[in-house]
Amino acid sequence: MSTKEIVLSSAKQRFLERGFHGTSMRDITNASGVSQGGIYSYFNSKEDLFKEVLNQAIPFDTFIENINSLLTENDEPEIFFRKFATIFLKSFKIETMKLRMIDFLEFKGKYFQILLEEKIKNNNNPIIDKIQRYINDGKIIDTNPTSLLLAFIMSVFSYLFLKSYVLEKQPNEDELIKTINIFLYGALQKKEKQYEKI
């Protein structure tokens, strides 16, 4: 293991245990056995180090590649959303979710957003375009595609957060699909319309 990898591994463990602000450079120095000068030869700051830890924890390239391949498939909306959720599940493990939550709680998601923007170089959003096509084809209710995507992502992340960050258990596909089914179909049984007597 290289010196840089030792620093990253040690920093990751400290961030997971104590959060970003609760971890000092001295903590990372003590854990890694690398002097602060040695650490600064690889990273400009503790923030730079955290960003790289987060970058390594989230397999952005694989995630984006899997999403792109999903977009070329001609699935019905239910299948599309279930596959999309499964891609999240495979990409965001317990440690990944914990680091993501540290970023969210301590930086309002700043570093995740920076990393995502670095990976997605343009403003086009083919996922929104696909959802819009489903709407145009009458397969999804007429709604704002961006709001629908946000609601979907919030459903997935809520499940992943609760399972991995709060309960500290590995999320599983069956539970996630049940969560997505609630997103897709709602929780209430359909009832026939009842009319008041005149």
N, C-alpha and C. Protein backbone atom coordinates (compact mmCIF):
# COMPACT_ATOMS: atom_id res chain seq x y z
N MET A 1 0.86 -1.19 0.00
CA MET A 1 0.00 0.00 0.00
C MET A 1 0.90 1.24 0.00
N SER A 2 0.62 2.18 -0.89
CA SER A 2 1.43 3.40 -0.98
C SER A 2 1.13 4.32 0.20
N THR A 3 2.00 5.30 0.40
CA THR A 3 1.81 6.27 1.49
C THR A 3 0.47 7.00 1.31
N LYS A 4 0.18 7.39 0.09
CA LYS A 4 -1.08 8.10 -0.18
C LYS A 4 -2.28 7.23 0.18
N GLU A 5 -2.22 5.95 -0.18
CA GLU A 5 -3.32 5.03 0.13
C GLU A 5 -3.47 4.83 1.65
N ILE A 6 -2.35 4.79 2.35
CA ILE A 6 -2.39 4.66 3.82
C ILE A 6 -3.07 5.88 4.43
N VAL A 7 -2.71 7.08 3.93
CA VAL A 7 -3.32 8.32 4.43
C VAL A 7 -4.82 8.30 4.16
N LEU A 8 -5.22 7.93 2.96
CA LEU A 8 -6.65 7.90 2.59
C LEU A 8 -7.41 6.90 3.45
N SER A 9 -6.84 5.73 3.65
CA SER A 9 -7.50 4.70 4.46
C SER A 9 -7.66 5.17 5.91
N SER A 10 -6.60 5.76 6.45
CA SER A 10 -6.64 6.24 7.84
C SER A 10 -7.64 7.38 7.98
N ALA A 11 -7.62 8.31 7.02
CA ALA A 11 -8.54 9.45 7.06
C ALA A 11 -9.99 8.96 6.96
N LYS A 12 -10.23 8.00 6.10
CA LYS A 12 -11.58 7.46 5.94
C LYS A 12 -12.09 6.89 7.26
N GLN A 13 -11.27 6.11 7.93
CA GLN A 13 -11.68 5.52 9.22
C GLN A 13 -11.98 6.60 10.25
N ARG A 14 -11.14 7.62 10.31
CA ARG A 14 -11.36 8.70 11.28
C ARG A 14 -12.62 9.49 10.94
N PHE A 15 -12.83 9.78 9.68
CA PHE A 15 -14.04 10.52 9.28
C PHE A 15 -15.29 9.71 9.62
N LEU A 16 -15.23 8.40 9.38
CA LEU A 16 -16.39 7.54 9.69
C LEU A 16 -16.67 7.50 11.19
N GLU A 17 -15.62 7.52 11.98
CA GLU A 17 -15.78 7.45 13.44
C GLU A 17 -16.20 8.78 14.06
N ARG A 18 -15.64 9.88 13.55
CA ARG A 18 -15.78 11.16 14.23
C ARG A 18 -16.40 12.28 13.39
N GLY A 19 -16.69 11.99 12.11
CA GLY A 19 -17.16 13.05 11.24
C GLY A 19 -16.00 13.90 10.76
N PHE A 20 -16.29 14.86 9.89
CA PHE A 20 -15.23 15.70 9.34
C PHE A 20 -14.68 16.66 10.39
N HIS A 21 -15.56 17.45 11.00
CA HIS A 21 -15.11 18.47 11.94
C HIS A 21 -14.56 17.87 13.24
N GLY A 22 -14.97 16.66 13.55
CA GLY A 22 -14.47 15.99 14.75
C GLY A 22 -13.12 15.33 14.55
N THR A 23 -12.63 15.34 13.31
CA THR A 23 -11.34 14.73 12.98
C THR A 23 -10.31 15.83 12.72
N SER A 24 -9.20 15.75 13.40
CA SER A 24 -8.13 16.73 13.16
C SER A 24 -7.06 16.11 12.27
N MET A 25 -6.22 16.95 11.70
CA MET A 25 -5.10 16.45 10.91
C MET A 25 -4.16 15.64 11.81
N ARG A 26 -4.07 16.03 13.07
CA ARG A 26 -3.24 15.27 14.02
C ARG A 26 -3.78 13.85 14.17
N ASP A 27 -5.13 13.70 14.21
CA ASP A 27 -5.74 12.35 14.29
C ASP A 27 -5.31 11.50 13.10
N ILE A 28 -5.34 12.10 11.93
CA ILE A 28 -4.98 11.37 10.70
C ILE A 28 -3.50 11.05 10.70
N THR A 29 -2.69 11.99 11.18
CA THR A 29 -1.24 11.76 11.30
C THR A 29 -0.96 10.59 12.24
N ASN A 30 -1.61 10.60 13.39
CA ASN A 30 -1.40 9.52 14.37
C ASN A 30 -1.86 8.17 13.83
N ALA A 31 -2.99 8.16 13.13
CA ALA A 31 -3.54 6.90 12.61
C ALA A 31 -2.71 6.35 11.45
N SER A 32 -2.19 7.24 10.61
CA SER A 32 -1.48 6.80 9.40
C SER A 32 0.01 6.62 9.62
N GLY A 33 0.57 7.32 10.63
CA GLY A 33 2.01 7.29 10.83
C GLY A 33 2.75 8.17 9.84
N VAL A 34 2.01 9.01 9.13
CA VAL A 34 2.59 9.93 8.15
C VAL A 34 2.54 11.34 8.73
N SER A 35 3.62 12.06 8.62
CA SER A 35 3.67 13.42 9.18
C SER A 35 2.70 14.34 8.46
N GLN A 36 2.33 15.45 9.12
CA GLN A 36 1.43 16.41 8.46
C GLN A 36 2.04 16.94 7.18
N GLY A 37 3.36 17.18 7.19
CA GLY A 37 4.04 17.62 5.97
C GLY A 37 3.90 16.59 4.87
N GLY A 38 4.02 15.31 5.25
CA GLY A 38 3.85 14.23 4.28
C GLY A 38 2.45 14.18 3.71
N ILE A 39 1.46 14.39 4.58
CA ILE A 39 0.06 14.40 4.12
C ILE A 39 -0.17 15.57 3.18
N TYR A 40 0.37 16.75 3.55
CA TYR A 40 0.17 17.94 2.71
C TYR A 40 0.91 17.86 1.38
N SER A 41 1.83 16.93 1.25
CA SER A 41 2.49 16.76 -0.06
C SER A 41 1.54 16.08 -1.06
N TYR A 42 0.50 15.41 -0.52
CA TYR A 42 -0.50 14.77 -1.38
C TYR A 42 -1.80 15.56 -1.47
N PHE A 43 -2.15 16.23 -0.37
CA PHE A 43 -3.44 16.93 -0.29
C PHE A 43 -3.23 18.36 0.20
N ASN A 44 -3.91 19.30 -0.42
CA ASN A 44 -3.74 20.72 -0.06
C ASN A 44 -4.35 21.06 1.29
N SER A 45 -5.37 20.31 1.70
CA SER A 45 -6.10 20.64 2.94
C SER A 45 -6.86 19.41 3.41
N LYS A 46 -7.41 19.51 4.61
CA LYS A 46 -8.26 18.43 5.12
C LYS A 46 -9.49 18.27 4.24
N GLU A 47 -10.03 19.38 3.73
CA GLU A 47 -11.19 19.33 2.83
C GLU A 47 -10.86 18.58 1.55
N ASP A 48 -9.66 18.83 1.01
CA ASP A 48 -9.21 18.14 -0.20
C ASP A 48 -9.09 16.65 0.06
N LEU A 49 -8.60 16.31 1.25
CA LEU A 49 -8.48 14.90 1.65
C LEU A 49 -9.86 14.26 1.77
N PHE A 50 -10.81 14.96 2.39
CA PHE A 50 -12.17 14.43 2.54
C PHE A 50 -12.81 14.21 1.17
N LYS A 51 -12.62 15.17 0.28
CA LYS A 51 -13.19 15.06 -1.07
C LYS A 51 -12.66 13.81 -1.77
N GLU A 52 -11.38 13.52 -1.62
CA GLU A 52 -10.81 12.33 -2.27
C GLU A 52 -11.30 11.05 -1.61
N VAL A 53 -11.47 11.07 -0.29
CA VAL A 53 -12.04 9.91 0.40
C VAL A 53 -13.45 9.64 -0.12
N LEU A 54 -14.25 10.70 -0.24
CA LEU A 54 -15.61 10.57 -0.75
C LEU A 54 -15.61 10.09 -2.19
N ASN A 55 -14.70 10.62 -2.99
CA ASN A 55 -14.60 10.24 -4.40
C ASN A 55 -14.30 8.75 -4.54
N GLN A 56 -13.40 8.24 -3.70
CA GLN A 56 -13.06 6.81 -3.77
C GLN A 56 -14.20 5.93 -3.25
N ALA A 57 -14.98 6.46 -2.32
CA ALA A 57 -16.07 5.68 -1.72
C ALA A 57 -17.25 5.54 -2.67
N ILE A 58 -17.43 6.53 -3.54
CA ILE A 58 -18.57 6.52 -4.45
C ILE A 58 -18.07 6.19 -5.86
N PRO A 59 -18.43 5.02 -6.39
CA PRO A 59 -17.96 4.62 -7.71
C PRO A 59 -18.70 5.36 -8.83
N PHE A 60 -18.43 6.68 -8.93
CA PHE A 60 -19.16 7.51 -9.88
C PHE A 60 -19.10 6.98 -11.31
N ASP A 61 -17.90 6.58 -11.75
CA ASP A 61 -17.74 6.15 -13.15
C ASP A 61 -18.62 4.94 -13.45
N THR A 62 -18.59 3.95 -12.56
CA THR A 62 -19.41 2.75 -12.74
C THR A 62 -20.89 3.10 -12.64
N PHE A 63 -21.22 3.96 -11.67
CA PHE A 63 -22.61 4.38 -11.47
C PHE A 63 -23.15 5.04 -12.74
N ILE A 64 -22.41 6.00 -13.28
CA ILE A 64 -22.85 6.73 -14.48
C ILE A 64 -22.92 5.80 -15.68
N GLU A 65 -21.94 4.89 -15.79
CA GLU A 65 -21.94 3.92 -16.89
C GLU A 65 -23.18 3.03 -16.82
N ASN A 66 -23.54 2.56 -15.62
CA ASN A 66 -24.73 1.72 -15.45
C ASN A 66 -26.02 2.49 -15.76
N ILE A 67 -26.06 3.76 -15.35
CA ILE A 67 -27.23 4.60 -15.65
C ILE A 67 -27.35 4.79 -17.15
N ASN A 68 -26.23 5.09 -17.82
CA ASN A 68 -26.25 5.30 -19.26
C ASN A 68 -26.72 4.06 -20.02
N SER A 69 -26.29 2.88 -19.57
CA SER A 69 -26.74 1.65 -20.23
C SER A 69 -28.23 1.42 -19.98
N LEU A 70 -28.70 1.81 -18.80
CA LEU A 70 -30.12 1.68 -18.48
C LEU A 70 -30.96 2.58 -19.40
N LEU A 71 -30.43 3.75 -19.72
CA LEU A 71 -31.18 4.71 -20.54
C LEU A 71 -31.36 4.23 -21.98
N THR A 72 -30.50 3.32 -22.43
CA THR A 72 -30.63 2.82 -23.81
C THR A 72 -31.64 1.68 -23.91
N GLU A 73 -32.04 1.13 -22.77
CA GLU A 73 -33.02 0.04 -22.78
C GLU A 73 -34.43 0.59 -22.94
N ASN A 74 -35.29 -0.25 -23.50
CA ASN A 74 -36.66 0.19 -23.80
C ASN A 74 -37.65 -0.44 -22.82
N ASP A 75 -37.40 -0.21 -21.52
CA ASP A 75 -38.23 -0.81 -20.47
C ASP A 75 -39.47 0.02 -20.21
N GLU A 76 -40.46 -0.65 -19.64
CA GLU A 76 -41.62 0.06 -19.12
C GLU A 76 -41.18 0.85 -17.89
N PRO A 77 -41.92 1.91 -17.49
CA PRO A 77 -41.49 2.75 -16.37
C PRO A 77 -41.22 1.98 -15.08
N GLU A 78 -42.07 0.99 -14.75
CA GLU A 78 -41.88 0.23 -13.52
C GLU A 78 -40.51 -0.45 -13.51
N ILE A 79 -40.17 -1.09 -14.63
CA ILE A 79 -38.90 -1.81 -14.73
C ILE A 79 -37.73 -0.81 -14.69
N PHE A 80 -37.89 0.31 -15.38
CA PHE A 80 -36.85 1.34 -15.40
C PHE A 80 -36.53 1.82 -13.99
N PHE A 81 -37.58 2.19 -13.23
CA PHE A 81 -37.35 2.71 -11.88
C PHE A 81 -36.78 1.65 -10.93
N ARG A 82 -37.22 0.41 -11.09
CA ARG A 82 -36.68 -0.65 -10.24
C ARG A 82 -35.20 -0.90 -10.53
N LYS A 83 -34.85 -0.92 -11.82
CA LYS A 83 -33.44 -1.11 -12.19
C LYS A 83 -32.60 0.08 -11.71
N PHE A 84 -33.16 1.27 -11.84
CA PHE A 84 -32.48 2.49 -11.41
C PHE A 84 -32.20 2.41 -9.91
N ALA A 85 -33.18 1.98 -9.14
CA ALA A 85 -33.01 1.84 -7.69
C ALA A 85 -31.94 0.82 -7.36
N THR A 86 -31.90 -0.28 -8.10
CA THR A 86 -30.91 -1.33 -7.87
C THR A 86 -29.49 -0.82 -8.14
N ILE A 87 -29.34 0.06 -9.13
CA ILE A 87 -28.03 0.65 -9.41
C ILE A 87 -27.57 1.47 -8.21
N PHE A 88 -28.48 2.24 -7.61
CA PHE A 88 -28.15 2.99 -6.39
C PHE A 88 -27.71 2.03 -5.29
N LEU A 89 -28.47 0.96 -5.11
CA LEU A 89 -28.20 -0.02 -4.05
C LEU A 89 -26.80 -0.60 -4.19
N LYS A 90 -26.42 -0.95 -5.41
CA LYS A 90 -25.11 -1.57 -5.64
C LYS A 90 -23.97 -0.57 -5.49
N SER A 91 -24.27 0.70 -5.69
CA SER A 91 -23.23 1.73 -5.64
C SER A 91 -23.02 2.32 -4.25
N PHE A 92 -24.08 2.39 -3.44
CA PHE A 92 -24.01 3.09 -2.16
C PHE A 92 -24.06 2.09 -1.00
N LYS A 93 -22.88 1.63 -0.62
CA LYS A 93 -22.75 0.69 0.50
C LYS A 93 -22.84 1.46 1.83
N ILE A 94 -22.76 0.75 2.94
CA ILE A 94 -22.91 1.37 4.26
C ILE A 94 -21.89 2.50 4.46
N GLU A 95 -20.61 2.21 4.23
CA GLU A 95 -19.58 3.25 4.41
C GLU A 95 -19.81 4.43 3.47
N THR A 96 -20.23 4.12 2.26
CA THR A 96 -20.50 5.18 1.29
C THR A 96 -21.60 6.10 1.79
N MET A 97 -22.68 5.50 2.30
CA MET A 97 -23.79 6.30 2.81
C MET A 97 -23.39 7.12 4.02
N LYS A 98 -22.54 6.56 4.88
CA LYS A 98 -22.09 7.32 6.05
C LYS A 98 -21.27 8.54 5.63
N LEU A 99 -20.36 8.34 4.69
CA LEU A 99 -19.55 9.46 4.20
C LEU A 99 -20.43 10.48 3.49
N ARG A 100 -21.40 9.97 2.75
CA ARG A 100 -22.35 10.86 2.04
C ARG A 100 -23.13 11.69 3.05
N MET A 101 -23.52 11.07 4.17
CA MET A 101 -24.27 11.81 5.19
C MET A 101 -23.38 12.81 5.93
N ILE A 102 -22.11 12.48 6.13
CA ILE A 102 -21.19 13.46 6.73
C ILE A 102 -21.11 14.68 5.82
N ASP A 103 -20.99 14.42 4.53
CA ASP A 103 -20.94 15.53 3.56
C ASP A 103 -22.24 16.33 3.61
N PHE A 104 -23.36 15.64 3.69
CA PHE A 104 -24.66 16.30 3.71
C PHE A 104 -24.85 17.12 4.99
N LEU A 105 -24.53 16.52 6.14
CA LEU A 105 -24.77 17.18 7.42
C LEU A 105 -23.77 18.30 7.71
N GLU A 106 -22.52 18.08 7.33
CA GLU A 106 -21.48 19.06 7.69
C GLU A 106 -21.18 20.07 6.58
N PHE A 107 -21.53 19.71 5.33
CA PHE A 107 -21.23 20.61 4.20
C PHE A 107 -22.43 20.86 3.29
N LYS A 108 -23.62 20.43 3.72
CA LYS A 108 -24.83 20.56 2.91
C LYS A 108 -24.68 19.91 1.53
N GLY A 109 -23.94 18.80 1.48
CA GLY A 109 -23.79 18.04 0.24
C GLY A 109 -22.83 18.65 -0.75
N LYS A 110 -22.05 19.62 -0.33
CA LYS A 110 -21.16 20.37 -1.22
C LYS A 110 -20.21 19.48 -2.03
N TYR A 111 -19.52 18.57 -1.35
CA TYR A 111 -18.48 17.79 -2.03
C TYR A 111 -19.06 16.73 -2.95
N PHE A 112 -20.18 16.14 -2.56
CA PHE A 112 -20.86 15.20 -3.46
C PHE A 112 -21.26 15.93 -4.74
N GLN A 113 -21.80 17.13 -4.60
CA GLN A 113 -22.23 17.93 -5.76
C GLN A 113 -21.04 18.28 -6.65
N ILE A 114 -19.92 18.69 -6.04
CA ILE A 114 -18.71 19.02 -6.82
C ILE A 114 -18.24 17.81 -7.61
N LEU A 115 -18.18 16.65 -6.94
CA LEU A 115 -17.71 15.44 -7.61
C LEU A 115 -18.65 15.03 -8.73
N LEU A 116 -19.96 15.14 -8.49
CA LEU A 116 -20.93 14.77 -9.52
C LEU A 116 -20.80 15.69 -10.73
N GLU A 117 -20.62 16.98 -10.48
CA GLU A 117 -20.48 17.93 -11.59
C GLU A 117 -19.19 17.69 -12.37
N GLU A 118 -18.15 17.24 -11.69
CA GLU A 118 -16.90 16.92 -12.38
C GLU A 118 -17.08 15.72 -13.30
N LYS A 119 -17.95 14.78 -12.89
CA LYS A 119 -18.16 13.58 -13.70
C LYS A 119 -19.15 13.83 -14.84
N ILE A 120 -20.12 14.71 -14.59
CA ILE A 120 -21.11 15.03 -15.63
C ILE A 120 -20.77 16.42 -16.14
N LYS A 121 -20.13 16.47 -17.28
CA LYS A 121 -19.56 17.73 -17.76
C LYS A 121 -20.57 18.67 -18.39
N ASN A 122 -21.75 18.18 -18.76
CA ASN A 122 -22.72 19.06 -19.40
C ASN A 122 -24.00 19.12 -18.59
N ASN A 123 -24.89 19.99 -19.01
CA ASN A 123 -26.13 20.20 -18.26
C ASN A 123 -27.29 19.33 -18.76
N ASN A 124 -27.04 18.52 -19.79
CA ASN A 124 -28.09 17.66 -20.31
C ASN A 124 -28.43 16.61 -19.27
N ASN A 125 -29.69 16.30 -19.18
CA ASN A 125 -30.08 15.25 -18.24
C ASN A 125 -30.93 14.23 -18.97
N PRO A 126 -30.28 13.17 -19.48
CA PRO A 126 -31.02 12.16 -20.25
C PRO A 126 -32.06 11.42 -19.42
N ILE A 127 -31.90 11.40 -18.08
CA ILE A 127 -32.90 10.74 -17.24
C ILE A 127 -34.21 11.54 -17.28
N ILE A 128 -34.09 12.86 -17.19
CA ILE A 128 -35.28 13.73 -17.28
C ILE A 128 -35.94 13.54 -18.64
N ASP A 129 -35.12 13.45 -19.69
CA ASP A 129 -35.66 13.26 -21.05
C ASP A 129 -36.43 11.94 -21.15
N LYS A 130 -35.88 10.88 -20.54
CA LYS A 130 -36.57 9.58 -20.58
C LYS A 130 -37.89 9.64 -19.83
N ILE A 131 -37.89 10.27 -18.66
CA ILE A 131 -39.12 10.41 -17.88
C ILE A 131 -40.14 11.23 -18.67
N GLN A 132 -39.69 12.28 -19.35
CA GLN A 132 -40.59 13.10 -20.17
C GLN A 132 -41.21 12.27 -21.29
N ARG A 133 -40.43 11.37 -21.89
CA ARG A 133 -40.98 10.50 -22.94
C ARG A 133 -42.07 9.58 -22.37
N TYR A 134 -41.84 9.06 -21.15
CA TYR A 134 -42.87 8.24 -20.51
C TYR A 134 -44.14 9.06 -20.30
N ILE A 135 -43.98 10.31 -19.90
CA ILE A 135 -45.14 11.20 -19.70
C ILE A 135 -45.84 11.44 -21.02
N ASN A 136 -45.07 11.75 -22.05
CA ASN A 136 -45.64 12.02 -23.39
C ASN A 136 -46.39 10.81 -23.94
N ASP A 137 -45.88 9.61 -23.61
CA ASP A 137 -46.51 8.37 -24.09
C ASP A 137 -47.70 7.95 -23.22
N GLY A 138 -47.99 8.72 -22.16
CA GLY A 138 -49.11 8.40 -21.29
C GLY A 138 -48.84 7.26 -20.32
N LYS A 139 -47.56 6.91 -20.13
CA LYS A 139 -47.21 5.81 -19.23
C LYS A 139 -47.00 6.27 -17.79
N ILE A 140 -46.83 7.58 -17.62
CA ILE A 140 -46.70 8.20 -16.30
C ILE A 140 -47.66 9.38 -16.28
N ILE A 141 -48.20 9.68 -15.11
CA ILE A 141 -49.12 10.81 -15.01
C ILE A 141 -48.45 12.10 -15.50
N ASP A 142 -49.25 13.02 -15.97
CA ASP A 142 -48.73 14.30 -16.46
C ASP A 142 -48.24 15.12 -15.28
N THR A 143 -46.93 15.16 -15.12
CA THR A 143 -46.33 15.87 -13.99
C THR A 143 -44.99 16.44 -14.40
N ASN A 144 -44.37 17.19 -13.53
CA ASN A 144 -43.05 17.74 -13.80
C ASN A 144 -42.02 16.61 -13.68
N PRO A 145 -41.27 16.31 -14.76
CA PRO A 145 -40.33 15.18 -14.71
C PRO A 145 -39.21 15.37 -13.69
N THR A 146 -38.78 16.62 -13.48
CA THR A 146 -37.73 16.88 -12.51
C THR A 146 -38.22 16.59 -11.09
N SER A 147 -39.46 17.00 -10.80
CA SER A 147 -40.04 16.72 -9.47
C SER A 147 -40.21 15.23 -9.25
N LEU A 148 -40.61 14.53 -10.30
CA LEU A 148 -40.79 13.08 -10.20
C LEU A 148 -39.45 12.39 -9.93
N LEU A 149 -38.41 12.80 -10.64
CA LEU A 149 -37.08 12.22 -10.43
C LEU A 149 -36.59 12.51 -9.02
N LEU A 150 -36.80 13.73 -8.55
CA LEU A 150 -36.39 14.10 -7.19
C LEU A 150 -37.13 13.25 -6.15
N ALA A 151 -38.43 13.05 -6.35
CA ALA A 151 -39.21 12.22 -5.41
C ALA A 151 -38.70 10.78 -5.40
N PHE A 152 -38.36 10.28 -6.57
CA PHE A 152 -37.82 8.92 -6.68
C PHE A 152 -36.48 8.81 -5.93
N ILE A 153 -35.58 9.74 -6.21
CA ILE A 153 -34.26 9.71 -5.58
C ILE A 153 -34.38 9.85 -4.06
N MET A 154 -35.30 10.70 -3.61
CA MET A 154 -35.51 10.86 -2.17
C MET A 154 -36.04 9.56 -1.55
N SER A 155 -36.90 8.85 -2.26
CA SER A 155 -37.41 7.56 -1.76
C SER A 155 -36.26 6.56 -1.59
N VAL A 156 -35.42 6.49 -2.61
CA VAL A 156 -34.29 5.55 -2.57
C VAL A 156 -33.32 5.93 -1.46
N PHE A 157 -32.93 7.21 -1.42
CA PHE A 157 -31.96 7.64 -0.42
C PHE A 157 -32.51 7.54 1.00
N SER A 158 -33.80 7.77 1.16
CA SER A 158 -34.40 7.63 2.50
C SER A 158 -34.26 6.20 3.00
N TYR A 159 -34.54 5.25 2.12
CA TYR A 159 -34.39 3.84 2.49
C TYR A 159 -32.92 3.52 2.79
N LEU A 160 -32.02 3.91 1.88
CA LEU A 160 -30.60 3.62 2.07
C LEU A 160 -30.05 4.27 3.34
N PHE A 161 -30.48 5.51 3.59
CA PHE A 161 -30.02 6.23 4.78
C PHE A 161 -30.51 5.53 6.05
N LEU A 162 -31.79 5.21 6.10
CA LEU A 162 -32.35 4.57 7.29
C LEU A 162 -31.68 3.23 7.57
N LYS A 163 -31.54 2.44 6.52
CA LYS A 163 -30.99 1.09 6.70
C LYS A 163 -29.51 1.12 7.06
N SER A 164 -28.72 1.90 6.30
CA SER A 164 -27.28 1.85 6.50
C SER A 164 -26.77 2.81 7.56
N TYR A 165 -27.29 4.03 7.60
CA TYR A 165 -26.74 5.03 8.50
C TYR A 165 -27.36 4.94 9.89
N VAL A 166 -28.68 4.75 9.96
CA VAL A 166 -29.36 4.69 11.25
C VAL A 166 -29.28 3.28 11.85
N LEU A 167 -29.67 2.27 11.08
CA LEU A 167 -29.70 0.90 11.60
C LEU A 167 -28.35 0.17 11.45
N GLU A 168 -27.45 0.75 10.65
CA GLU A 168 -26.13 0.17 10.38
C GLU A 168 -26.22 -1.27 9.87
N LYS A 169 -27.15 -1.48 8.94
CA LYS A 169 -27.30 -2.78 8.29
C LYS A 169 -27.22 -2.58 6.79
N GLN A 170 -26.73 -3.61 6.10
CA GLN A 170 -26.61 -3.52 4.66
C GLN A 170 -28.00 -3.54 4.02
N PRO A 171 -28.34 -2.52 3.22
CA PRO A 171 -29.64 -2.54 2.54
C PRO A 171 -29.74 -3.76 1.62
N ASN A 172 -30.97 -4.21 1.38
CA ASN A 172 -31.13 -5.33 0.45
C ASN A 172 -32.16 -5.02 -0.62
N GLU A 173 -32.04 -5.73 -1.71
CA GLU A 173 -32.81 -5.43 -2.91
C GLU A 173 -34.31 -5.62 -2.71
N ASP A 174 -34.72 -6.70 -2.01
CA ASP A 174 -36.15 -6.96 -1.83
C ASP A 174 -36.84 -5.81 -1.09
N GLU A 175 -36.21 -5.33 -0.01
CA GLU A 175 -36.79 -4.21 0.74
C GLU A 175 -36.83 -2.95 -0.10
N LEU A 176 -35.76 -2.72 -0.86
CA LEU A 176 -35.71 -1.52 -1.70
C LEU A 176 -36.81 -1.55 -2.76
N ILE A 177 -37.03 -2.72 -3.37
CA ILE A 177 -38.08 -2.85 -4.40
C ILE A 177 -39.45 -2.58 -3.78
N LYS A 178 -39.68 -3.04 -2.56
CA LYS A 178 -40.95 -2.75 -1.88
C LYS A 178 -41.12 -1.25 -1.67
N THR A 179 -40.02 -0.58 -1.31
CA THR A 179 -40.06 0.88 -1.15
C THR A 179 -40.39 1.55 -2.48
N ILE A 180 -39.76 1.07 -3.55
CA ILE A 180 -40.01 1.64 -4.88
C ILE A 180 -41.44 1.38 -5.32
N ASN A 181 -41.98 0.22 -4.96
CA ASN A 181 -43.38 -0.07 -5.31
C ASN A 181 -44.34 0.92 -4.65
N ILE A 182 -44.02 1.33 -3.41
CA ILE A 182 -44.85 2.35 -2.77
C ILE A 182 -44.74 3.66 -3.54
N PHE A 183 -43.53 4.00 -3.97
CA PHE A 183 -43.34 5.20 -4.80
C PHE A 183 -44.16 5.09 -6.10
N LEU A 184 -44.12 3.90 -6.72
CA LEU A 184 -44.78 3.73 -8.02
C LEU A 184 -46.30 3.66 -7.91
N TYR A 185 -46.80 2.97 -6.91
CA TYR A 185 -48.24 2.68 -6.85
C TYR A 185 -48.97 3.31 -5.68
N GLY A 186 -48.27 3.88 -4.73
CA GLY A 186 -48.93 4.43 -3.55
C GLY A 186 -49.15 3.36 -2.50
N ALA A 187 -49.60 3.79 -1.35
CA ALA A 187 -49.78 2.86 -0.24
C ALA A 187 -51.24 2.51 0.01
N LEU A 188 -52.17 3.28 -0.52
CA LEU A 188 -53.58 3.07 -0.22
C LEU A 188 -54.24 2.19 -1.27
N GLN A 189 -55.16 1.35 -0.81
CA GLN A 189 -55.94 0.54 -1.73
C GLN A 189 -56.88 1.46 -2.53
N LYS A 190 -57.08 1.13 -3.80
CA LYS A 190 -58.01 1.92 -4.60
C LYS A 190 -59.43 1.70 -4.09
N LYS A 191 -60.20 2.76 -4.03
CA LYS A 191 -61.59 2.65 -3.61
C LYS A 191 -62.48 3.23 -4.70
N GLU A 192 -63.66 2.64 -4.80
CA GLU A 192 -64.59 3.22 -5.78
C GLU A 192 -65.06 4.57 -5.29
N LYS A 193 -65.27 5.44 -6.24
CA LYS A 193 -65.72 6.78 -5.89
C LYS A 193 -67.09 6.71 -5.25
N GLN A 194 -67.24 7.39 -4.16
CA GLN A 194 -68.55 7.40 -3.49
C GLN A 194 -69.19 8.76 -3.71
N TYR A 195 -70.42 8.73 -4.07
CA TYR A 195 -71.13 9.98 -4.34
C TYR A 195 -72.18 10.22 -3.26
N GLU A 196 -72.26 11.45 -2.86
CA GLU A 196 -73.28 11.80 -1.86
C GLU A 196 -74.65 11.80 -2.53
N LYS A 197 -75.64 11.39 -1.77
CA LYS A 197 -77.00 11.43 -2.32
C LYS A 197 -77.48 12.87 -2.32
N ILE A 198 -78.19 13.22 -3.37
CA ILE A 198 -78.73 14.58 -3.48
C ILE A 198 -80.05 14.66 -2.71
